[in-house]
């Protein structure tokens, strides 16, 4: 994504999703890269890394539940 179009007005966001078979199920892996934010925003972002990870894990778990049909959107 082009960060210049978002609220920060700068940077770039790249997300890669990979699906792989895993013991009769499908494993979803997500890799993210955020860059070009400038020194201060990148430094601040490092302090929030733990919170970002928790939010992403929660989102991926919700996606899995939706895909598996165990939860309603």
Protein backbone atom coordinates (compact mmCIF):
# COMPACT_ATOMS: atom_id res chain seq x y z
CA UNK A 1 0.00 0.00 0.00
CA UNK A 2 1.07 3.52 -0.62
CA UNK A 3 1.31 5.22 2.77
CA UNK A 4 1.00 8.67 1.21
CA UNK A 5 -2.70 7.93 0.75
CA UNK A 6 -3.27 7.05 4.44
CA UNK A 7 -3.36 8.97 7.69
CA UNK A 8 0.45 9.11 8.05
CA UNK A 9 0.83 10.63 4.57
CA UNK A 10 4.13 8.80 4.04
CA UNK A 11 5.85 5.44 3.76
CA UNK A 12 4.88 2.09 2.35
CA UNK A 13 3.20 -1.00 3.73
CA UNK A 14 3.77 -4.46 2.27
CA UNK A 15 1.91 -7.54 3.46
CA UNK A 16 2.53 -11.06 2.18
CA UNK A 17 0.17 -13.91 2.97
CA UNK A 18 1.29 -17.49 2.39
CA UNK A 19 -0.97 -20.53 2.52
CA UNK A 20 0.57 -23.97 3.03
CA UNK A 21 -0.84 -27.42 3.74
CA UNK A 22 -0.24 -28.49 7.35
CA UNK A 23 -1.46 -31.87 8.52
CA UNK A 24 -4.82 -31.86 6.77
CA UNK A 25 -5.34 -28.16 7.46
CA UNK A 26 -4.03 -24.97 5.90
CA UNK A 27 -1.45 -22.80 7.64
CA UNK A 28 -1.63 -19.06 6.98
CA UNK A 29 1.55 -17.04 7.44
CA UNK A 30 1.68 -13.29 7.17
CA UNK A 31 4.82 -11.20 6.78
CA UNK A 32 4.68 -7.41 6.96
CA UNK A 33 7.10 -4.64 6.10
CA UNK A 34 6.56 -1.01 6.91
CA UNK A 35 9.13 1.53 5.78
CA UNK A 36 9.81 5.02 4.58
CA UNK A 37 8.15 6.55 7.62
CA UNK A 38 11.01 8.77 8.73
CA UNK A 39 13.24 8.34 11.75
CA UNK A 40 10.84 9.48 14.49
CA UNK A 41 7.84 7.51 13.26
CA UNK A 42 9.95 4.37 12.78
CA UNK A 43 11.39 4.76 16.29
CA UNK A 44 7.92 5.24 17.77
CA UNK A 45 6.66 2.23 15.80
CA UNK A 46 9.30 0.01 17.41
CA UNK A 47 7.84 0.83 20.83
CA UNK A 48 4.41 -0.34 19.61
CA UNK A 49 5.67 -3.55 18.00
CA UNK A 50 4.25 -5.80 20.74
CA UNK A 51 0.80 -4.22 20.44
CA UNK A 52 0.90 -4.55 16.65
CA UNK A 53 1.81 -8.24 16.92
CA UNK A 54 -1.08 -8.92 19.31
CA UNK A 55 -3.55 -7.12 17.04
CA UNK A 56 -2.34 -9.00 13.96
CA UNK A 57 -2.54 -12.37 15.75
CA UNK A 58 -6.09 -11.55 16.83
CA UNK A 59 -7.03 -10.57 13.26
CA UNK A 60 -5.54 -13.78 11.82
CA UNK A 61 -7.36 -15.90 14.42
CA UNK A 62 -10.64 -14.16 13.56
CA UNK A 63 -9.98 -14.75 9.86
CA UNK A 64 -9.34 -18.43 10.51
CA UNK A 65 -12.57 -18.72 12.48
CA UNK A 66 -14.53 -17.07 9.70
CA UNK A 67 -12.97 -19.23 6.99
CA UNK A 68 -13.51 -22.40 9.01
CA UNK A 69 -17.13 -21.39 9.57
CA UNK A 70 -16.92 -21.46 13.36
CA UNK A 71 -17.73 -17.76 13.77
CA UNK A 72 -20.03 -15.35 12.02
CA UNK A 73 -18.60 -12.12 10.56
